Amino acid sequence: MNLDGKKKRARGSMKYGRTSKTKKAIVQLTADSADIEIFEGL
C-alpha cells in the first residue's frame, strides 16, 4: 500500500506541510512458510 504523508503544522506557524509518503506491505504466512528470525526465542 502506498500511503500519503500526514498534514502537520510547521513550527508553530499557521502554515501546513506534509510528512513523507510511506509504503506498507501486507504479508500472509502459511503453515509451510519459513520462520522469521526476528521472532525466534520470544
N, C-alpha and C. Protein backbone atom coordinates (compact mmCIF):
# COMPACT_ATOMS: atom_id res chain seq x y z
N MET A 1 0.84 -1.17 0.00
CA MET A 1 0.00 0.00 0.00
C MET A 1 0.89 1.23 0.00
N ASN A 2 0.57 2.19 -0.82
CA ASN A 2 1.26 3.47 -0.81
C ASN A 2 0.40 4.46 -0.03
N LEU A 3 0.96 5.04 1.02
CA LEU A 3 0.23 5.97 1.88
C LEU A 3 0.78 7.37 1.72
N ASP A 4 -0.11 8.35 1.62
CA ASP A 4 0.31 9.74 1.56
C ASP A 4 0.77 10.20 2.93
N GLY A 5 1.57 11.26 2.98
CA GLY A 5 2.03 11.81 4.24
C GLY A 5 0.90 12.50 4.99
N LYS A 6 1.07 12.63 6.28
CA LYS A 6 0.06 13.31 7.11
C LYS A 6 0.26 14.81 7.04
N LYS A 7 -0.81 15.55 7.25
CA LYS A 7 -0.76 17.00 7.25
C LYS A 7 -0.34 17.46 8.65
N LYS A 8 0.71 18.26 8.74
CA LYS A 8 1.24 18.72 10.03
C LYS A 8 1.44 20.22 10.00
N ARG A 9 1.30 20.86 11.15
CA ARG A 9 1.60 22.29 11.24
C ARG A 9 3.10 22.50 11.31
N ALA A 10 3.59 23.52 10.63
CA ALA A 10 5.03 23.74 10.53
C ALA A 10 5.51 24.72 11.58
N ARG A 11 6.24 24.25 12.56
CA ARG A 11 6.97 25.04 13.56
C ARG A 11 6.18 26.20 14.16
N GLY A 12 5.01 25.94 14.66
CA GLY A 12 4.26 26.93 15.40
C GLY A 12 3.56 27.98 14.54
N SER A 13 3.81 27.99 13.25
CA SER A 13 3.12 28.97 12.40
C SER A 13 1.80 28.36 11.93
N MET A 14 1.04 29.14 11.24
CA MET A 14 -0.24 28.66 10.76
C MET A 14 -0.12 27.98 9.39
N LYS A 15 1.09 27.76 8.92
CA LYS A 15 1.30 27.09 7.65
C LYS A 15 1.32 25.58 7.87
N TYR A 16 0.88 24.86 6.86
CA TYR A 16 0.85 23.41 6.95
C TYR A 16 1.81 22.79 5.96
N GLY A 17 2.38 21.66 6.35
CA GLY A 17 3.24 20.88 5.48
C GLY A 17 2.79 19.44 5.54
N ARG A 18 3.52 18.59 4.88
CA ARG A 18 3.19 17.17 4.89
C ARG A 18 4.42 16.36 5.27
N THR A 19 4.18 15.24 5.96
CA THR A 19 5.27 14.31 6.25
C THR A 19 5.53 13.47 5.00
N SER A 20 6.58 12.69 5.00
CA SER A 20 6.95 11.89 3.85
C SER A 20 5.91 10.81 3.57
N LYS A 21 5.82 10.41 2.31
CA LYS A 21 4.97 9.29 1.95
C LYS A 21 5.59 8.01 2.46
N THR A 22 4.78 7.01 2.73
CA THR A 22 5.28 5.73 3.23
C THR A 22 4.68 4.58 2.43
N LYS A 23 5.30 3.43 2.55
CA LYS A 23 4.79 2.21 1.91
C LYS A 23 4.61 1.15 2.99
N LYS A 24 3.55 0.37 2.88
CA LYS A 24 3.31 -0.73 3.80
C LYS A 24 3.12 -2.00 2.99
N ALA A 25 3.59 -3.10 3.53
CA ALA A 25 3.39 -4.40 2.89
C ALA A 25 2.54 -5.27 3.80
N ILE A 26 1.58 -5.94 3.24
CA ILE A 26 0.77 -6.89 3.98
C ILE A 26 1.23 -8.28 3.58
N VAL A 27 1.69 -9.05 4.56
CA VAL A 27 2.27 -10.37 4.29
C VAL A 27 1.41 -11.42 4.97
N GLN A 28 1.03 -12.43 4.22
CA GLN A 28 0.26 -13.53 4.79
C GLN A 28 1.15 -14.76 4.84
N LEU A 29 1.26 -15.34 6.02
CA LEU A 29 2.09 -16.53 6.21
C LEU A 29 1.21 -17.77 6.25
N THR A 30 1.75 -18.86 5.73
CA THR A 30 1.04 -20.13 5.79
C THR A 30 1.79 -21.06 6.74
N ALA A 31 1.26 -22.23 6.94
CA ALA A 31 1.91 -23.21 7.82
C ALA A 31 3.25 -23.66 7.25
N ASP A 32 3.40 -23.59 5.93
CA ASP A 32 4.64 -24.02 5.27
C ASP A 32 5.68 -22.91 5.17
N SER A 33 5.35 -21.70 5.59
CA SER A 33 6.29 -20.56 5.47
C SER A 33 7.49 -20.76 6.38
N ALA A 34 8.62 -20.22 5.97
CA ALA A 34 9.83 -20.29 6.78
C ALA A 34 9.67 -19.38 8.00
N ASP A 35 10.36 -19.73 9.09
CA ASP A 35 10.29 -18.92 10.31
C ASP A 35 10.96 -17.56 10.07
N ILE A 36 10.47 -16.54 10.79
CA ILE A 36 11.07 -15.22 10.72
C ILE A 36 12.07 -15.14 11.86
N GLU A 37 13.34 -14.86 11.53
CA GLU A 37 14.43 -14.92 12.52
C GLU A 37 14.25 -13.93 13.66
N ILE A 38 13.64 -12.79 13.41
CA ILE A 38 13.47 -11.76 14.45
C ILE A 38 12.64 -12.30 15.62
N PHE A 39 11.65 -13.15 15.30
CA PHE A 39 10.72 -13.61 16.34
C PHE A 39 11.15 -14.91 17.00
N GLU A 40 12.29 -15.45 16.63
CA GLU A 40 12.76 -16.67 17.28
C GLU A 40 13.20 -16.37 18.71
N GLY A 41 12.83 -17.20 19.64
CA GLY A 41 13.24 -17.04 21.03
C GLY A 41 12.35 -16.14 21.86
N LEU A 42 11.25 -15.67 21.31
CA LEU A 42 10.33 -14.84 22.10
C LEU A 42 9.31 -15.70 22.79
